[in-house]
Amino acid sequence: MKITVNGEEREVKEGITISQLVKELGIKAPNYAVAVGMEVIPKSEYDSYTLKEGDKVEIVTFVGGG
């Protein structure tokens, strides 16, 4: 199925969860946020939230510094 991740169209397996997508993308940052459409998804739902055909996903990582 096709979804859009950070503006880039991707082909992913049917029934993929946010956690599986993040792992597939190789995101290692300890702190990141995920929005699907215009809704920020709580971290507690990453393992159970199943993405659907056409979803627009934004993944933002946080960088500390000072």
Protein backbone atom coordinates (compact mmCIF):
# COMPACT_ATOMS: atom_id res chain seq x y z
CA MET A 1 0.00 0.00 0.00
CA LYS A 2 1.10 3.59 -0.50
CA ILE A 3 1.49 6.21 2.21
CA THR A 4 3.31 9.54 2.34
CA VAL A 5 6.08 9.98 4.91
CA ASN A 6 7.45 13.50 5.41
CA GLY A 7 6.28 14.44 1.91
CA GLU A 8 7.74 11.36 0.19
CA GLU A 9 5.49 8.63 -1.18
CA ARG A 10 6.43 5.15 0.06
CA GLU A 11 5.26 1.62 -0.53
CA VAL A 12 4.78 -0.27 2.74
CA LYS A 13 3.22 -3.58 3.73
CA GLU A 14 -0.49 -3.71 4.50
CA GLY A 15 -1.28 -3.36 8.22
CA ILE A 16 2.02 -1.72 9.22
CA THR A 17 2.03 0.04 12.59
CA ILE A 18 3.78 3.30 13.45
CA SER A 19 6.42 1.38 15.46
CA GLN A 20 7.12 -0.92 12.51
CA LEU A 21 7.37 2.05 10.13
CA VAL A 22 9.82 3.88 12.40
CA LYS A 23 11.96 0.74 12.63
CA GLU A 24 11.80 0.22 8.85
CA LEU A 25 12.90 3.84 8.31
CA GLY A 26 15.87 3.30 10.66
CA ILE A 27 14.98 6.16 12.99
CA LYS A 28 17.21 5.78 16.04
CA ALA A 29 16.44 9.09 17.75
CA PRO A 30 15.12 8.47 21.26
CA ASN A 31 12.67 11.38 21.01
CA TYR A 32 10.36 11.74 18.06
CA ALA A 33 6.74 12.62 17.41
CA VAL A 34 4.41 11.18 14.80
CA ALA A 35 1.34 12.78 13.24
CA VAL A 36 -1.04 11.06 10.85
CA GLY A 37 -3.04 13.58 8.88
CA MET A 38 -3.35 16.49 11.28
CA GLU A 39 -3.54 14.33 14.42
CA VAL A 40 -0.55 13.79 16.72
CA ILE A 41 -0.54 10.16 17.79
CA PRO A 42 0.31 9.43 21.45
CA LYS A 43 3.48 7.38 21.89
CA SER A 44 1.44 4.80 23.82
CA GLU A 45 -0.40 3.98 20.56
CA TYR A 46 2.64 3.50 18.27
CA ASP A 47 2.54 -0.31 18.63
CA SER A 48 -1.19 -0.57 17.93
CA TYR A 49 -1.93 2.27 15.48
CA THR A 50 -2.27 0.69 12.03
CA LEU A 51 -1.61 2.89 9.03
CA LYS A 52 -4.01 2.89 6.10
CA GLU A 53 -3.69 3.40 2.33
CA GLY A 54 -3.12 7.08 1.55
CA ASP A 55 -2.19 8.16 5.09
CA LYS A 56 0.05 11.22 5.32
CA VAL A 57 2.59 10.64 8.09
CA GLU A 58 4.94 13.26 9.52
CA ILE A 59 7.78 12.15 11.78
CA VAL A 60 9.69 14.83 13.65
CA THR A 61 12.83 14.16 15.69
CA PHE A 62 13.97 16.42 18.49
CA VAL A 63 17.54 17.61 18.86
CA GLY A 64 18.79 19.03 22.13
CA GLY A 65 21.49 21.58 22.49
CA GLY A 66 22.31 24.82 24.04
